[in-house]
């Protein structure tokens, strides 16, 4: 009997950690239902947002948010940047 191991990822928001650990390089990987749902919802928001669209970003690493900020500058009606990212943006 041959058994194949497959990694199913279920934690939206932390996929980057798994990729950085190299798990996905060693095992066939699939997105679980929670991750698929998050991607579907975010895709809908980006492609056909309800108005007004208010985007709230926070966190410590500003460099991780640059792509999101660029993406939503033209799309969002209001873009709020809080926490350490907001403080660094003001400098």
Protein backbone atom coordinates (compact mmCIF):
# COMPACT_ATOMS: atom_id res chain seq x y z
CA UNK A 1 0.00 0.00 0.00
CA UNK A 2 1.38 3.40 -0.99
CA UNK A 3 0.53 6.36 1.19
CA UNK A 4 1.05 9.86 -0.01
CA UNK A 5 1.27 12.76 2.38
CA UNK A 6 -0.46 15.98 1.43
CA UNK A 7 -0.32 19.26 3.27
CA UNK A 8 -3.71 21.01 3.56
CA UNK A 9 -3.47 24.58 4.78
CA UNK A 10 -6.28 25.91 6.95
CA UNK A 11 -5.02 29.12 8.58
CA UNK A 12 -5.82 32.25 6.57
CA UNK A 13 -3.40 35.06 7.27
CA UNK A 14 -0.43 32.82 8.05
CA UNK A 15 0.21 31.14 4.70
CA UNK A 16 3.46 33.09 4.37
CA UNK A 17 4.88 31.36 7.44
CA UNK A 18 4.24 27.91 5.98
CA UNK A 19 5.81 28.84 2.65
CA UNK A 20 8.84 30.33 4.43
CA UNK A 21 9.30 27.11 6.45
CA UNK A 22 9.55 25.18 3.18
CA UNK A 23 6.65 22.81 3.85
CA UNK A 24 5.16 23.44 0.41
CA UNK A 25 8.47 22.58 -1.26
CA UNK A 26 8.47 19.07 0.19
CA UNK A 27 4.82 18.04 0.13
CA UNK A 28 2.01 18.37 -2.37
CA UNK A 29 -0.08 21.21 -0.93
CA UNK A 30 -3.67 22.31 -1.22
CA UNK A 31 -5.71 25.14 0.23
CA UNK A 32 -8.32 24.10 2.75
CA UNK A 33 -11.88 25.45 2.78
CA UNK A 34 -11.10 28.36 5.14
CA UNK A 35 -8.26 29.66 2.97
CA UNK A 36 -10.33 29.18 -0.19
CA UNK A 37 -13.19 31.14 1.39
CA UNK A 38 -10.88 34.01 2.38
CA UNK A 39 -9.44 34.24 -1.14
CA UNK A 40 -12.93 34.17 -2.68
CA UNK A 41 -14.24 36.93 -0.39
CA UNK A 42 -11.19 39.16 -0.89
CA UNK A 43 -11.36 38.64 -4.66
CA UNK A 44 -15.02 39.74 -4.66
CA UNK A 45 -14.18 42.84 -2.59
CA UNK A 46 -11.36 43.83 -4.93
CA UNK A 47 -13.18 43.11 -8.20
CA UNK A 48 -16.61 44.55 -7.34
CA UNK A 49 -16.52 46.42 -4.03
CA UNK A 50 -19.60 47.71 -2.24
CA UNK A 51 -19.47 51.45 -1.71
CA UNK A 52 -18.19 53.14 0.26
CA UNK A 53 -15.16 50.86 0.43
CA UNK A 54 -13.13 51.50 3.58
CA UNK A 55 -9.83 49.62 3.86
CA UNK A 56 -8.20 49.34 7.28
CA UNK A 57 -4.57 48.19 7.39
CA UNK A 58 -2.41 47.70 10.44
CA UNK A 59 0.57 45.78 11.69
CA UNK A 60 4.23 46.31 12.29
CA UNK A 61 5.86 45.65 8.92
CA UNK A 62 5.13 48.53 6.55
CA UNK A 63 7.06 46.86 3.72
CA UNK A 64 4.55 43.99 3.80
CA UNK A 65 1.70 46.47 3.28
CA UNK A 66 3.12 48.51 0.38
CA UNK A 67 1.50 46.30 -2.26
CA UNK A 68 -1.87 46.54 -0.52
CA UNK A 69 -1.58 50.29 -0.12
CA UNK A 70 -0.75 50.69 -3.81
CA UNK A 71 -3.59 48.37 -4.79
CA UNK A 72 -6.24 50.19 -2.77
CA UNK A 73 -5.16 53.82 -3.31
CA UNK A 74 -7.24 53.99 -6.49
CA UNK A 75 -9.98 51.56 -5.42
CA UNK A 76 -10.86 52.48 -1.83
CA UNK A 77 -12.95 55.49 -0.87
CA UNK A 78 -11.07 55.64 2.45
CA UNK A 79 -7.73 54.03 3.33
CA UNK A 80 -6.89 53.91 7.04
CA UNK A 81 -3.44 52.85 8.17
CA UNK A 82 -3.10 52.24 11.89
CA UNK A 83 -0.77 50.76 14.44
CA UNK A 84 3.00 50.78 13.93
CA UNK A 85 2.50 50.91 10.15
CA UNK A 86 0.55 54.15 10.48
CA UNK A 87 3.20 55.76 12.66
CA UNK A 88 5.98 54.79 10.23
CA UNK A 89 3.93 56.08 7.30
CA UNK A 90 3.67 59.53 8.94
CA UNK A 91 7.43 59.90 9.34
